Amino acid sequence: MVQILLATALVSGVSAVAAALLLLAERFLARYGPCTIDVNAGDRRLEVEGGESLLATLMSRQIFIPSACGGKGTCAYCKLKVLDGGGPVAPTEAPLLSAEELADHVRISCQVKVRNDMRIEVPGHLLSVRQYRAVVERMADLTGDIKELWLRLAEPETIEFVPGQYVQLRAPAYGPNPEPVWRAYSIANPPSDAGHVELIIRLVPGGICTPWVFKVLAEGDEVVFTGPYGEFGLTESGEAMVWVAGGSGMAPFWSIARHMRERQIRRPCTYFFGALRRRDLFLLEEFRQLEKALPDFRFVPALSAPAEGDRWDGETGLITEVLERHLAGGAPEEAYLCGSGGMVRAAVKVLTAAGIDRERMFFDEFT
C-alpha cells in the first residue's frame, strides 16, 4: 500500500513539473512571429508579435478590454468575437460561454493565444476607453474595511463617463504580488466632477489589489487606471425603481444619486442598503440630505445582525428580507442591484416573485 501511495505521489509530482515546464516553454520559448489582427472588419489593423494572449496583446496596443480576474480566465468579462484565427475553444473557456455565444464565435480573450493572423470584433464603446494617470489626492476610512479614494486626474486631466460605469485600477508588483494586476471598481463621483475619480474599495482578505490599497498606497502616490467601462446605469424610462446594495456596492449608487440631485431627476426610488452592524454603515447623513433634496427618493439602511450597543431602531434582517417586506405592498417597474453574486441572485428571486420583469432588472455583480 505504501509503495502504491509513493508511486502515485511520484507520478503526480512528475506531472506537475511537466505541466510547469510546458507553461514556461509556452511563455518564453514559443514565438509565432509577426501576426495581423483585423479589428472590426478593417477599422483597425494591428501588426503584432505573436505569443501573448489576445487580451494582453490588445492592451499593449491601447485597446482596453475589461477583465476583473487579471487574465486568469475566471471572470468572463473579456469576451470578444473571434471570427477567424483563434484556434479551438480551450477547456478553460467552455464553462464560461453559453451555446449561443459559442455559435456566435464569442471567446474569452485572456485564454486565446495570438498564434497567427486573426479577425476579431470589439464593441465600439470599448475603442474609446483610455488609460489615465492620476494622483491620490485623499484617502478616508468609511468603515473598518472600506476606504474611499479621491484620485485627481493628471493625464488626461478629465474623464467623461455615465453614472454607474467603472474603471480598472492597476495594482503594481509589490510584496506577495510578482506582477501588476487590474481590478474593477465602480466610479462613485458624479460626472460633473470630471477632474476626479472617486472609488469606494472594500478590503478582500487574501486578495491582491485591495491589500495594496489598504497597506501600501498613500496620499500623493501616482496610480494608473483604464476606463470607463460598463453599461450599468439608469434608463430614461422615468419609471419608479428600487435599488439594492451592500458594502462597496454603494459606489455606483453614490454616483447616480448625486447626479440625480444635480439634475433634479424626480423619479420615485427606494434604496435598500444592507450591512451587518451599525459600524458597517456609512454615508447615512449624506443620504438623509439627499432625501430632503429629492422628495421622491427614500433611503432604507438595514442591519442583518445588530449588536446590543448599536441602539438600532431601523430595519433588521438580510437586505433581501427587508426588500421582500417592503415589496409586499406593490412593486416598482425597475430594479438596480449591485453586490455579490449571492446577494444579486437572492434579490432577483424576491423581485421576480413581486412581479418585476427580468428584463427590467439591471446588475453590477461582483466577481
Protein backbone atom coordinates (compact mmCIF):
# COMPACT_ATOMS: atom_id res chain seq x y z
CA MET A 1 0.00 0.00 0.00
CA VAL A 2 2.82 2.39 0.92
CA GLN A 3 4.55 1.62 -2.39
CA ILE A 4 1.37 2.42 -4.31
CA LEU A 5 1.00 5.74 -2.50
CA LEU A 6 4.64 6.63 -3.14
CA ALA A 7 4.28 5.74 -6.81
CA THR A 8 1.12 7.84 -7.10
CA ALA A 9 2.82 10.79 -5.44
CA LEU A 10 5.83 10.41 -7.73
CA VAL A 11 3.65 10.39 -10.85
CA SER A 12 1.69 13.41 -9.61
CA GLY A 13 4.89 15.27 -8.89
CA VAL A 14 6.36 14.49 -12.29
CA SER A 15 3.11 15.58 -13.97
CA ALA A 16 3.09 18.86 -12.08
CA VAL A 17 6.70 19.57 -13.03
CA ALA A 18 5.99 18.69 -16.66
CA ALA A 19 2.97 20.99 -16.73
CA ALA A 20 5.01 23.83 -15.24
CA LEU A 21 7.78 23.30 -17.80
CA LEU A 22 5.26 23.34 -20.63
CA LEU A 23 3.81 26.63 -19.36
CA LEU A 24 7.28 28.14 -19.12
CA ALA A 25 8.16 26.91 -22.59
CA GLU A 26 4.91 28.33 -23.96
CA ARG A 27 5.55 31.68 -22.34
CA PHE A 28 9.23 32.16 -23.01
CA LEU A 29 10.20 29.90 -25.91
CA ALA A 30 7.17 29.79 -28.21
CA ARG A 31 7.33 32.66 -30.68
CA TYR A 32 4.87 32.82 -33.53
CA GLY A 33 6.38 35.69 -35.45
CA PRO A 34 4.54 38.72 -36.84
CA CYS A 35 0.74 38.45 -36.85
CA THR A 36 -2.00 40.75 -38.12
CA ILE A 37 -5.17 41.35 -36.10
CA ASP A 38 -8.06 42.77 -38.09
CA VAL A 39 -10.36 44.68 -35.73
CA ASN A 40 -13.98 45.30 -36.76
CA ALA A 41 -13.67 44.47 -40.45
CA GLY A 42 -10.73 46.72 -41.21
CA ASP A 43 -11.50 49.53 -38.77
CA ARG A 44 -8.06 48.86 -37.29
CA ARG A 45 -5.24 46.56 -38.36
CA LEU A 46 -2.68 45.69 -35.73
CA GLU A 47 0.74 44.32 -36.63
CA VAL A 48 1.87 42.43 -33.54
CA GLU A 49 4.31 39.79 -32.38
CA GLY A 50 2.56 36.50 -31.63
CA GLY A 51 2.86 34.60 -28.38
CA GLU A 52 0.82 36.60 -25.86
CA SER A 53 -2.87 36.31 -25.03
CA LEU A 54 -5.31 38.28 -27.17
CA LEU A 55 -6.26 40.33 -24.07
CA ALA A 56 -2.64 41.30 -23.33
CA THR A 57 -1.86 41.95 -26.99
CA LEU A 58 -4.80 44.33 -27.38
CA MET A 59 -3.88 46.15 -24.17
CA SER A 60 -0.36 46.70 -25.48
CA ARG A 61 -1.97 48.50 -28.44
CA GLN A 62 -4.18 50.70 -26.24
CA ILE A 63 -7.35 48.67 -26.78
CA PHE A 64 -8.55 48.03 -23.25
CA ILE A 65 -10.89 45.07 -22.74
CA PRO A 66 -12.42 44.71 -19.26
CA SER A 67 -11.03 41.93 -17.06
CA ALA A 68 -11.72 41.58 -13.35
CA CYS A 69 -9.63 38.46 -12.71
CA GLY A 70 -6.29 39.61 -14.09
CA GLY A 71 -6.38 37.28 -17.10
CA LYS A 72 -6.90 34.08 -15.13
CA GLY A 73 -9.98 33.01 -17.09
CA THR A 74 -12.48 33.17 -14.24
CA CYS A 75 -14.46 36.41 -14.55
CA ALA A 76 -15.60 36.13 -18.21
CA TYR A 77 -15.55 39.92 -18.56
CA CYS A 78 -13.13 39.88 -21.50
CA LYS A 79 -15.45 38.27 -24.04
CA LEU A 80 -14.87 39.15 -27.68
CA LYS A 81 -15.89 37.74 -31.03
CA VAL A 82 -13.01 35.93 -32.73
CA LEU A 83 -14.20 35.35 -36.27
CA ASP A 84 -11.04 33.70 -37.57
CA GLY A 85 -7.64 32.58 -36.31
CA GLY A 86 -8.47 31.89 -32.68
CA GLY A 87 -8.00 28.13 -32.78
CA PRO A 88 -10.19 25.67 -30.87
CA VAL A 89 -12.05 26.72 -27.74
CA ALA A 90 -9.92 25.93 -24.69
CA PRO A 91 -11.26 23.86 -21.78
CA THR A 92 -10.85 26.94 -19.59
CA GLU A 93 -13.22 28.91 -21.85
CA ALA A 94 -16.05 26.45 -22.45
CA PRO A 95 -17.67 26.64 -18.97
CA LEU A 96 -17.86 30.45 -19.28
CA LEU A 97 -19.62 30.51 -22.65
CA SER A 98 -23.23 29.70 -23.48
CA ALA A 99 -24.19 27.61 -26.50
CA GLU A 100 -25.41 30.78 -28.21
CA GLU A 101 -22.11 32.54 -27.56
CA LEU A 102 -20.09 29.60 -28.85
CA ALA A 103 -22.18 29.55 -32.03
CA ASP A 104 -21.61 33.31 -32.39
CA HIS A 105 -17.78 32.98 -32.19
CA VAL A 106 -17.53 34.58 -28.72
CA ARG A 107 -14.29 33.77 -26.90
CA ILE A 108 -12.61 34.55 -23.57
CA SER A 109 -9.81 36.79 -24.84
CA CYS A 110 -7.40 36.16 -21.97
CA GLN A 111 -7.48 32.45 -22.88
CA VAL A 112 -6.94 32.93 -26.62
CA LYS A 113 -3.30 32.92 -27.72
CA VAL A 114 -2.23 35.07 -30.67
CA ARG A 115 -0.53 32.48 -32.90
CA ASN A 116 -1.43 33.68 -36.39
CA ASP A 117 -3.47 36.28 -38.26
CA MET A 118 -6.87 36.91 -36.67
CA ARG A 119 -10.17 38.66 -37.35
CA ILE A 120 -11.99 39.94 -34.28
CA GLU A 121 -14.90 42.17 -33.29
CA VAL A 122 -14.56 44.64 -30.42
CA PRO A 123 -17.65 46.51 -29.14
CA GLY A 124 -17.42 50.09 -30.37
CA HIS A 125 -17.67 51.66 -26.91
CA LEU A 126 -14.50 49.84 -25.79
CA LEU A 127 -12.47 51.52 -28.52
CA SER A 128 -12.95 54.83 -26.70
CA VAL A 129 -11.62 53.50 -23.38
CA ARG A 130 -8.40 55.25 -22.36
CA GLN A 131 -5.59 54.83 -19.88
CA TYR A 132 -5.29 57.53 -17.20
CA ARG A 133 -2.64 58.62 -14.75
CA ALA A 134 -3.87 60.13 -11.50
CA VAL A 135 -2.62 61.22 -8.09
CA VAL A 136 -4.16 60.02 -4.83
CA GLU A 137 -5.45 63.32 -3.52
CA ARG A 138 -7.14 61.94 -0.41
CA MET A 139 -7.95 58.65 1.36
CA ALA A 140 -10.55 58.16 4.09
CA ASP A 141 -11.85 55.23 6.13
CA LEU A 142 -15.60 54.84 5.69
CA THR A 143 -15.71 51.71 7.88
CA GLY A 144 -13.14 49.35 9.34
CA ASP A 145 -12.72 47.61 5.98
CA ILE A 146 -13.93 50.15 3.40
CA LYS A 147 -11.87 53.08 2.11
CA GLU A 148 -12.79 55.97 -0.13
CA LEU A 149 -10.16 57.22 -2.59
CA TRP A 150 -10.17 60.57 -4.39
CA LEU A 151 -7.98 60.41 -7.49
CA ARG A 152 -7.07 63.69 -9.20
CA LEU A 153 -6.53 63.10 -12.91
CA ALA A 154 -3.11 64.05 -14.28
CA GLU A 155 -3.07 62.70 -17.84
CA PRO A 156 -5.58 63.17 -19.38
CA GLU A 157 -6.89 65.75 -16.92
CA THR A 158 -10.59 64.98 -17.39
CA ILE A 159 -12.80 61.95 -17.95
CA GLU A 160 -16.28 61.55 -19.40
CA PHE A 161 -18.48 58.78 -18.02
CA VAL A 162 -22.06 57.79 -17.32
CA PRO A 163 -23.10 57.36 -13.65
CA GLY A 164 -22.85 53.63 -12.92
CA GLN A 165 -19.74 52.91 -15.00
CA TYR A 166 -16.45 51.60 -13.60
CA VAL A 167 -12.69 51.79 -14.09
CA GLN A 168 -9.94 49.20 -13.81
CA LEU A 169 -7.27 50.16 -11.30
CA ARG A 170 -3.73 48.85 -11.73
CA ALA A 171 -2.01 47.39 -8.68
CA PRO A 172 1.75 47.28 -9.40
CA ALA A 173 4.06 44.45 -8.47
CA TYR A 174 4.68 44.59 -4.72
CA GLY A 175 5.46 42.21 -1.86
CA PRO A 176 3.49 38.99 -2.45
CA ASN A 177 2.35 40.14 -5.90
CA PRO A 178 5.07 39.42 -8.52
CA GLU A 179 3.38 41.21 -11.42
CA PRO A 180 0.84 44.01 -11.97
CA VAL A 181 -2.87 43.17 -11.83
CA TRP A 182 -6.01 45.10 -12.80
CA ARG A 183 -9.20 45.17 -10.74
CA ALA A 184 -12.59 46.74 -11.45
CA TYR A 185 -14.09 49.42 -9.18
CA SER A 186 -17.22 51.49 -9.78
CA ILE A 187 -16.88 55.26 -10.07
CA ALA A 188 -18.53 56.92 -7.05
CA ASN A 189 -18.48 60.60 -8.00
CA PRO A 190 -20.94 62.27 -10.38
CA PRO A 191 -19.83 63.06 -13.96
CA SER A 192 -19.93 66.79 -13.21
CA ASP A 193 -16.62 66.35 -11.35
CA ALA A 194 -14.71 65.43 -14.50
CA GLY A 195 -11.29 66.07 -12.98
CA HIS A 196 -11.56 63.32 -10.38
CA VAL A 197 -12.42 59.67 -9.98
CA GLU A 198 -13.75 58.65 -6.60
CA LEU A 199 -13.59 54.96 -5.60
CA ILE A 200 -15.09 53.01 -2.69
CA ILE A 201 -12.98 49.91 -2.04
CA ARG A 202 -13.59 47.11 0.41
CA LEU A 203 -10.67 45.06 1.76
CA VAL A 204 -10.72 41.49 0.43
CA PRO A 205 -8.75 39.17 2.77
CA GLY A 206 -6.24 37.21 0.72
CA GLY A 207 -6.73 39.50 -2.26
CA ILE A 208 -4.07 41.27 -4.29
CA CYS A 209 -5.29 44.74 -5.18
CA THR A 210 -7.20 45.68 -2.04
CA PRO A 211 -4.34 44.87 0.40
CA TRP A 212 -2.15 47.12 -1.76
CA VAL A 213 -4.74 49.90 -1.43
CA PHE A 214 -5.03 49.46 2.34
CA LYS A 215 -1.40 48.79 3.28
CA VAL A 216 0.82 50.31 0.58
CA LEU A 217 -0.97 53.10 -1.28
CA ALA A 218 -0.64 56.58 0.24
CA GLU A 219 -1.81 60.11 -0.46
CA GLY A 220 0.39 61.70 -3.11
CA ASP A 221 1.11 58.42 -4.90
CA GLU A 222 0.52 58.12 -8.62
CA VAL A 223 -1.83 55.42 -9.92
CA VAL A 224 -2.88 54.15 -13.33
CA PHE A 225 -6.35 53.07 -14.40
CA THR A 226 -8.33 52.47 -17.58
CA GLY A 227 -11.94 53.24 -18.35
CA PRO A 228 -14.72 53.98 -18.34
CA TYR A 229 -16.37 50.57 -18.76
CA GLY A 230 -19.82 49.11 -18.32
CA GLU A 231 -23.43 49.70 -19.19
CA PHE A 232 -24.89 49.78 -15.67
CA GLY A 233 -26.90 52.94 -15.13
CA LEU A 234 -30.36 54.47 -15.16
CA THR A 235 -32.67 54.01 -18.09
CA GLU A 236 -34.58 57.02 -19.38
CA SER A 237 -37.97 55.45 -18.66
CA GLY A 238 -38.84 57.73 -15.76
CA GLU A 239 -40.47 54.76 -14.00
CA ALA A 240 -40.40 54.06 -10.27
CA MET A 241 -37.40 52.00 -9.22
CA VAL A 242 -35.76 50.14 -6.38
CA TRP A 243 -32.02 49.93 -5.67
CA VAL A 244 -30.34 47.17 -3.64
CA ALA A 245 -26.71 47.12 -2.45
CA GLY A 246 -24.37 46.41 0.41
CA GLY A 247 -20.77 47.31 1.30
CA SER A 248 -18.78 48.75 -1.61
CA GLY A 249 -21.82 48.18 -3.80
CA MET A 250 -22.64 51.69 -2.60
CA ALA A 251 -20.24 53.21 -5.17
CA PRO A 252 -22.33 53.35 -8.38
CA PHE A 253 -25.43 54.45 -6.46
CA TRP A 254 -23.49 57.25 -4.73
CA SER A 255 -22.61 58.49 -8.21
CA ILE A 256 -26.12 58.07 -9.61
CA ALA A 257 -27.85 59.64 -6.59
CA ARG A 258 -25.71 62.78 -6.67
CA HIS A 259 -26.22 63.04 -10.42
CA MET A 260 -29.99 62.85 -9.83
CA ARG A 261 -29.76 65.63 -7.26
CA GLU A 262 -27.73 67.86 -9.58
CA ARG A 263 -30.10 67.29 -12.50
CA GLN A 264 -33.22 67.25 -10.32
CA ILE A 265 -34.27 63.88 -11.73
CA ARG A 266 -37.58 63.27 -9.95
CA ARG A 267 -38.02 59.50 -10.26
CA PRO A 268 -39.60 57.57 -7.38
CA CYS A 269 -36.80 55.49 -5.88
CA THR A 270 -36.26 53.40 -2.74
CA TYR A 271 -32.66 52.46 -1.99
CA PHE A 272 -32.15 49.39 0.25
CA PHE A 273 -28.63 49.23 1.68
CA GLY A 274 -27.58 46.28 3.83
CA ALA A 275 -24.86 45.93 6.46
CA LEU A 276 -24.01 43.56 9.29
CA ARG A 277 -23.76 46.00 12.21
CA ARG A 278 -24.08 49.74 12.76
CA ARG A 279 -20.33 50.21 12.36
CA ASP A 280 -20.61 48.85 8.81
CA LEU A 281 -22.97 51.60 7.63
CA PHE A 282 -21.66 54.80 6.05
CA LEU A 283 -22.85 57.95 4.22
CA LEU A 284 -26.03 57.91 6.33
CA GLU A 285 -26.19 61.67 6.84
CA GLU A 286 -25.35 62.31 3.20
CA PHE A 287 -28.29 60.21 2.07
CA ARG A 288 -30.60 61.87 4.57
CA GLN A 289 -29.69 65.17 2.91
CA LEU A 290 -30.39 63.61 -0.49
CA GLU A 291 -33.85 62.63 0.71
CA LYS A 292 -34.53 66.29 1.50
CA ALA A 293 -33.30 67.41 -1.92
CA LEU A 294 -35.19 64.67 -3.80
CA PRO A 295 -38.69 64.24 -2.31
CA ASP A 296 -39.30 61.06 -4.34
CA PHE A 297 -36.12 59.41 -3.04
CA ARG A 298 -36.05 57.18 0.07
CA PHE A 299 -33.01 55.59 1.70
CA VAL A 300 -33.59 52.40 3.74
CA PRO A 301 -30.48 51.10 5.57
CA ALA A 302 -30.79 47.72 7.31
CA LEU A 303 -28.68 45.64 9.71
CA SER A 304 -28.65 41.86 9.47
CA ALA A 305 -27.03 41.28 12.90
CA PRO A 306 -27.20 44.45 15.05
CA ALA A 307 -25.26 44.34 18.31
CA GLU A 308 -26.78 45.39 21.64
CA GLY A 309 -24.69 48.52 21.70
CA ASP A 310 -25.83 49.60 18.23
CA ARG A 311 -29.07 51.14 19.56
CA TRP A 312 -30.61 50.44 16.18
CA ASP A 313 -34.29 51.13 15.61
CA GLY A 314 -34.22 50.80 11.82
CA GLU A 315 -34.83 47.80 9.56
CA THR A 316 -33.27 44.46 10.51
CA GLY A 317 -32.67 41.22 8.64
CA LEU A 318 -30.93 40.28 5.42
CA ILE A 319 -31.36 43.06 2.88
CA THR A 320 -33.37 40.70 0.65
CA GLU A 321 -35.74 40.02 3.56
CA VAL A 322 -36.20 43.74 4.11
CA LEU A 323 -36.77 44.17 0.37
CA GLU A 324 -39.40 41.42 0.37
CA ARG A 325 -41.32 43.03 3.24
CA HIS A 326 -41.41 46.39 1.50
CA LEU A 327 -42.47 44.96 -1.85
CA ALA A 328 -45.48 43.24 -0.29
CA GLY A 329 -47.45 46.44 -0.81
CA GLY A 330 -46.56 46.70 -4.50
CA ALA A 331 -43.50 46.63 -6.74
CA PRO A 332 -41.93 49.37 -8.88
CA GLU A 333 -41.22 48.93 -12.57
CA GLU A 334 -37.41 48.73 -12.44
CA ALA A 335 -34.71 47.32 -10.14
CA TYR A 336 -30.98 48.03 -9.91
CA LEU A 337 -28.68 45.68 -7.98
CA CYS A 338 -25.01 45.97 -7.02
CA GLY A 339 -23.13 43.46 -4.89
CA SER A 340 -22.02 39.86 -4.59
CA GLY A 341 -23.41 37.15 -6.83
CA GLY A 342 -25.22 35.53 -3.90
CA MET A 343 -26.98 38.75 -2.94
CA VAL A 344 -27.92 39.51 -6.54
CA ARG A 345 -29.38 36.05 -7.12
CA ALA A 346 -31.38 36.20 -3.88
CA ALA A 347 -32.70 39.66 -4.76
CA VAL A 348 -33.71 38.53 -8.24
CA LYS A 349 -35.90 35.80 -6.71
CA VAL A 350 -37.62 38.33 -4.46
CA LEU A 351 -38.10 40.83 -7.30
CA THR A 352 -39.42 38.16 -9.66
CA ALA A 353 -41.91 36.97 -7.06
CA ALA A 354 -43.05 40.57 -6.63
CA GLY A 355 -43.83 40.79 -10.34
CA ILE A 356 -40.90 42.79 -11.74
CA ASP A 357 -39.93 41.60 -15.23
CA ARG A 358 -36.44 40.14 -15.54
CA GLU A 359 -35.81 42.50 -18.45
CA ARG A 360 -36.34 45.46 -16.11
CA MET A 361 -33.64 44.35 -13.66
CA PHE A 362 -30.14 45.76 -14.07
CA PHE A 363 -26.98 44.42 -12.43
CA ASP A 364 -23.47 45.33 -11.36
CA GLU A 365 -22.45 41.95 -9.97
CA PHE A 366 -19.12 41.45 -8.19
CA THR A 367 -16.98 38.51 -9.30
